[in-house]
Amino acid sequence: MVTWTLNYTKQAQKDAKKLASSGLKTKAQTLFAILEEDPWQSPPPLEKLVGDLSGAYSRRINIQHRLAYQVLEAEKAVKILRLWTYYE
């Protein structure tokens, strides 16, 4: 089975610190494990994003926060864009 590589943007790294301090780290790690196996796996449901994040997908971490990512098929990589709310 092929595993996908996860790459984190600077913003995602900052967001990860916020997540850890708000007790959501475990939930995010569960999502990372799913993305490493198959970024298209459903459930949990994924949403296709529009606007600034067009071409990216998101999954809920909780009611307020989401994990936003892009799938780079050629490199078998998943680029983690955001791990916090992106409506701010």
N, C-alpha and C. Protein backbone atom coordinates (compact mmCIF):
# COMPACT_ATOMS: atom_id res chain seq x y z
N MET A 1 0.84 -1.20 0.00
CA MET A 1 0.00 0.00 0.00
C MET A 1 0.88 1.26 0.00
N VAL A 2 0.53 2.18 -0.82
CA VAL A 2 1.30 3.43 -0.93
C VAL A 2 0.83 4.40 0.14
N THR A 3 1.80 4.97 0.86
CA THR A 3 1.40 6.02 1.80
C THR A 3 1.73 7.37 1.17
N TRP A 4 0.94 8.32 1.52
CA TRP A 4 1.10 9.68 1.02
C TRP A 4 1.98 10.46 1.98
N THR A 5 2.78 11.36 1.44
CA THR A 5 3.62 12.21 2.26
C THR A 5 2.82 13.45 2.65
N LEU A 6 2.91 13.86 3.91
CA LEU A 6 2.24 15.07 4.34
C LEU A 6 3.26 16.20 4.42
N ASN A 7 2.96 17.31 3.78
CA ASN A 7 3.80 18.51 3.84
C ASN A 7 2.98 19.62 4.49
N TYR A 8 3.62 20.37 5.37
CA TYR A 8 2.90 21.42 6.11
C TYR A 8 3.38 22.80 5.70
N THR A 9 2.45 23.70 5.41
CA THR A 9 2.82 25.08 5.12
C THR A 9 3.21 25.75 6.43
N LYS A 10 3.86 26.91 6.34
CA LYS A 10 4.22 27.68 7.54
C LYS A 10 2.96 27.97 8.37
N GLN A 11 1.88 28.32 7.66
CA GLN A 11 0.62 28.63 8.34
C GLN A 11 0.11 27.40 9.10
N ALA A 12 0.18 26.24 8.47
CA ALA A 12 -0.29 25.01 9.12
C ALA A 12 0.54 24.70 10.36
N GLN A 13 1.84 24.99 10.30
CA GLN A 13 2.70 24.75 11.46
C GLN A 13 2.30 25.66 12.62
N LYS A 14 1.99 26.92 12.30
CA LYS A 14 1.51 27.85 13.34
C LYS A 14 0.18 27.35 13.91
N ASP A 15 -0.71 26.94 12.99
CA ASP A 15 -2.03 26.45 13.40
C ASP A 15 -1.91 25.23 14.31
N ALA A 16 -0.91 24.37 14.04
CA ALA A 16 -0.73 23.15 14.83
C ALA A 16 -0.45 23.48 16.29
N LYS A 17 0.28 24.56 16.53
CA LYS A 17 0.56 24.98 17.90
C LYS A 17 -0.73 25.40 18.61
N LYS A 18 -1.58 26.13 17.89
CA LYS A 18 -2.87 26.54 18.46
C LYS A 18 -3.74 25.32 18.76
N LEU A 19 -3.74 24.37 17.82
CA LEU A 19 -4.54 23.15 17.99
C LEU A 19 -4.11 22.40 19.24
N ALA A 20 -2.80 22.25 19.40
CA ALA A 20 -2.27 21.50 20.54
C ALA A 20 -2.72 22.15 21.85
N SER A 21 -2.70 23.49 21.90
CA SER A 21 -3.07 24.17 23.14
C SER A 21 -4.58 24.20 23.36
N SER A 22 -5.35 23.85 22.34
CA SER A 22 -6.81 23.85 22.52
C SER A 22 -7.37 22.43 22.64
N GLY A 23 -6.48 21.46 22.78
CA GLY A 23 -6.94 20.09 23.03
C GLY A 23 -7.46 19.35 21.82
N LEU A 24 -7.14 19.83 20.62
CA LEU A 24 -7.66 19.19 19.40
C LEU A 24 -6.59 18.38 18.65
N LYS A 25 -5.44 18.24 19.27
CA LYS A 25 -4.32 17.56 18.61
C LYS A 25 -4.66 16.12 18.20
N THR A 26 -5.31 15.38 19.11
CA THR A 26 -5.63 13.98 18.84
C THR A 26 -6.54 13.85 17.63
N LYS A 27 -7.55 14.72 17.56
CA LYS A 27 -8.50 14.71 16.44
C LYS A 27 -7.76 15.00 15.13
N ALA A 28 -6.87 15.98 15.14
CA ALA A 28 -6.09 16.31 13.95
C ALA A 28 -5.19 15.15 13.55
N GLN A 29 -4.57 14.49 14.52
CA GLN A 29 -3.68 13.36 14.21
C GLN A 29 -4.44 12.21 13.56
N THR A 30 -5.69 12.02 13.98
CA THR A 30 -6.54 11.00 13.35
C THR A 30 -6.74 11.33 11.88
N LEU A 31 -7.01 12.61 11.59
CA LEU A 31 -7.18 13.04 10.20
C LEU A 31 -5.89 12.88 9.40
N PHE A 32 -4.74 13.21 10.01
CA PHE A 32 -3.46 13.04 9.32
C PHE A 32 -3.26 11.58 8.91
N ALA A 33 -3.59 10.66 9.81
CA ALA A 33 -3.43 9.23 9.54
C ALA A 33 -4.28 8.82 8.34
N ILE A 34 -5.51 9.35 8.27
CA ILE A 34 -6.40 9.06 7.14
C ILE A 34 -5.80 9.60 5.84
N LEU A 35 -5.30 10.85 5.89
CA LEU A 35 -4.72 11.46 4.70
C LEU A 35 -3.49 10.71 4.21
N GLU A 36 -2.69 10.19 5.13
CA GLU A 36 -1.50 9.42 4.74
C GLU A 36 -1.90 8.14 4.01
N GLU A 37 -3.02 7.55 4.41
CA GLU A 37 -3.49 6.33 3.76
C GLU A 37 -4.19 6.61 2.45
N ASP A 38 -5.13 7.55 2.48
CA ASP A 38 -5.93 7.85 1.29
C ASP A 38 -6.61 9.20 1.45
N PRO A 39 -6.11 10.25 0.76
CA PRO A 39 -6.69 11.59 0.93
C PRO A 39 -8.12 11.70 0.42
N TRP A 40 -8.60 10.70 -0.32
CA TRP A 40 -9.98 10.75 -0.84
C TRP A 40 -10.94 9.95 0.02
N GLN A 41 -10.44 9.27 1.05
CA GLN A 41 -11.28 8.40 1.86
C GLN A 41 -12.46 9.14 2.46
N SER A 42 -13.61 8.48 2.39
CA SER A 42 -14.80 9.03 3.02
C SER A 42 -15.54 7.88 3.67
N PRO A 43 -16.05 7.91 4.89
CA PRO A 43 -15.97 9.02 5.83
C PRO A 43 -14.56 9.17 6.41
N PRO A 44 -14.24 10.22 7.11
CA PRO A 44 -15.09 11.40 7.33
C PRO A 44 -15.26 12.20 6.04
N PRO A 45 -16.38 12.91 5.92
CA PRO A 45 -16.66 13.61 4.67
C PRO A 45 -15.63 14.70 4.36
N LEU A 46 -15.37 14.88 3.08
CA LEU A 46 -14.49 15.97 2.68
C LEU A 46 -15.27 16.92 1.79
N GLU A 47 -14.88 18.19 1.83
CA GLU A 47 -15.54 19.21 1.02
C GLU A 47 -14.54 19.82 0.07
N LYS A 48 -14.99 20.06 -1.15
CA LYS A 48 -14.16 20.76 -2.13
C LYS A 48 -14.30 22.26 -1.84
N LEU A 49 -13.17 22.94 -1.77
CA LEU A 49 -13.22 24.37 -1.42
C LEU A 49 -13.26 25.25 -2.66
N VAL A 50 -13.76 26.46 -2.48
CA VAL A 50 -13.87 27.43 -3.57
C VAL A 50 -13.19 28.73 -3.14
N GLY A 51 -13.16 29.70 -4.03
CA GLY A 51 -12.57 31.00 -3.68
C GLY A 51 -11.06 30.90 -3.58
N ASP A 52 -10.50 31.56 -2.53
CA ASP A 52 -9.05 31.58 -2.33
C ASP A 52 -8.45 30.18 -2.25
N LEU A 53 -9.22 29.24 -1.73
CA LEU A 53 -8.71 27.89 -1.54
C LEU A 53 -9.25 26.91 -2.58
N SER A 54 -9.60 27.44 -3.75
CA SER A 54 -10.11 26.61 -4.83
C SER A 54 -9.09 25.53 -5.19
N GLY A 55 -9.56 24.31 -5.39
CA GLY A 55 -8.65 23.21 -5.70
C GLY A 55 -8.21 22.46 -4.45
N ALA A 56 -8.57 23.00 -3.28
CA ALA A 56 -8.21 22.35 -2.02
C ALA A 56 -9.46 21.66 -1.46
N TYR A 57 -9.25 20.87 -0.43
CA TYR A 57 -10.32 20.15 0.24
C TYR A 57 -10.24 20.43 1.72
N SER A 58 -11.34 20.18 2.41
CA SER A 58 -11.27 20.34 3.86
C SER A 58 -12.06 19.24 4.55
N ARG A 59 -11.65 18.99 5.78
CA ARG A 59 -12.36 18.06 6.67
C ARG A 59 -12.49 18.74 8.01
N ARG A 60 -13.58 18.47 8.69
CA ARG A 60 -13.79 19.09 10.00
C ARG A 60 -12.91 18.47 11.07
N ILE A 61 -12.28 19.34 11.86
CA ILE A 61 -11.60 18.91 13.08
C ILE A 61 -12.65 18.94 14.20
N ASN A 62 -13.40 20.03 14.21
CA ASN A 62 -14.57 20.13 15.09
C ASN A 62 -15.55 21.10 14.42
N ILE A 63 -16.55 21.55 15.12
CA ILE A 63 -17.57 22.41 14.51
C ILE A 63 -16.98 23.70 13.96
N GLN A 64 -15.93 24.21 14.61
CA GLN A 64 -15.36 25.49 14.23
C GLN A 64 -14.14 25.37 13.32
N HIS A 65 -13.31 24.37 13.57
CA HIS A 65 -12.03 24.29 12.88
C HIS A 65 -12.00 23.19 11.84
N ARG A 66 -11.21 23.46 10.80
CA ARG A 66 -11.10 22.50 9.71
C ARG A 66 -9.66 22.31 9.31
N LEU A 67 -9.40 21.18 8.71
CA LEU A 67 -8.10 20.90 8.13
C LEU A 67 -8.26 21.12 6.63
N ALA A 68 -7.55 22.07 6.08
CA ALA A 68 -7.62 22.35 4.64
C ALA A 68 -6.35 21.80 3.99
N TYR A 69 -6.51 21.11 2.86
CA TYR A 69 -5.35 20.50 2.21
C TYR A 69 -5.51 20.42 0.70
N GLN A 70 -4.37 20.27 0.02
CA GLN A 70 -4.35 20.03 -1.42
C GLN A 70 -3.74 18.66 -1.65
N VAL A 71 -4.23 17.97 -2.67
CA VAL A 71 -3.66 16.67 -3.02
C VAL A 71 -2.78 16.86 -4.25
N LEU A 72 -1.51 16.48 -4.11
CA LEU A 72 -0.55 16.57 -5.21
C LEU A 72 -0.34 15.16 -5.74
N GLU A 73 -1.19 14.76 -6.69
CA GLU A 73 -1.21 13.39 -7.21
C GLU A 73 0.17 12.92 -7.69
N ALA A 74 0.83 13.75 -8.50
CA ALA A 74 2.11 13.35 -9.11
C ALA A 74 3.16 12.98 -8.07
N GLU A 75 3.18 13.73 -6.98
CA GLU A 75 4.19 13.48 -5.94
C GLU A 75 3.70 12.53 -4.85
N LYS A 76 2.44 12.07 -4.94
CA LYS A 76 1.82 11.27 -3.88
C LYS A 76 1.98 12.02 -2.55
N ALA A 77 1.65 13.31 -2.59
CA ALA A 77 1.82 14.15 -1.40
C ALA A 77 0.53 14.89 -1.10
N VAL A 78 0.35 15.20 0.18
CA VAL A 78 -0.78 16.01 0.63
C VAL A 78 -0.19 17.24 1.30
N LYS A 79 -0.58 18.41 0.79
CA LYS A 79 -0.07 19.66 1.35
C LYS A 79 -1.10 20.19 2.33
N ILE A 80 -0.72 20.22 3.61
CA ILE A 80 -1.62 20.71 4.65
C ILE A 80 -1.53 22.24 4.65
N LEU A 81 -2.66 22.90 4.34
CA LEU A 81 -2.68 24.36 4.21
C LEU A 81 -3.02 25.05 5.52
N ARG A 82 -4.09 24.59 6.14
CA ARG A 82 -4.57 25.22 7.38
C ARG A 82 -5.06 24.15 8.34
N LEU A 83 -4.98 24.44 9.64
CA LEU A 83 -5.51 23.54 10.66
C LEU A 83 -6.39 24.30 11.64
N TRP A 84 -6.82 25.46 11.26
CA TRP A 84 -7.60 26.31 12.15
C TRP A 84 -8.73 26.86 11.31
N THR A 85 -9.60 27.63 11.88
CA THR A 85 -10.66 28.20 11.07
C THR A 85 -10.05 29.10 10.01
N TYR A 86 -10.56 29.06 8.79
CA TYR A 86 -10.00 29.94 7.75
C TYR A 86 -11.02 31.00 7.36
N TYR A 87 -11.98 31.24 8.21
CA TYR A 87 -12.97 32.29 7.92
C TYR A 87 -12.56 33.62 8.54
N GLU A 88 -11.43 33.65 9.28
CA GLU A 88 -11.04 34.87 9.98
C GLU A 88 -10.48 35.88 9.02
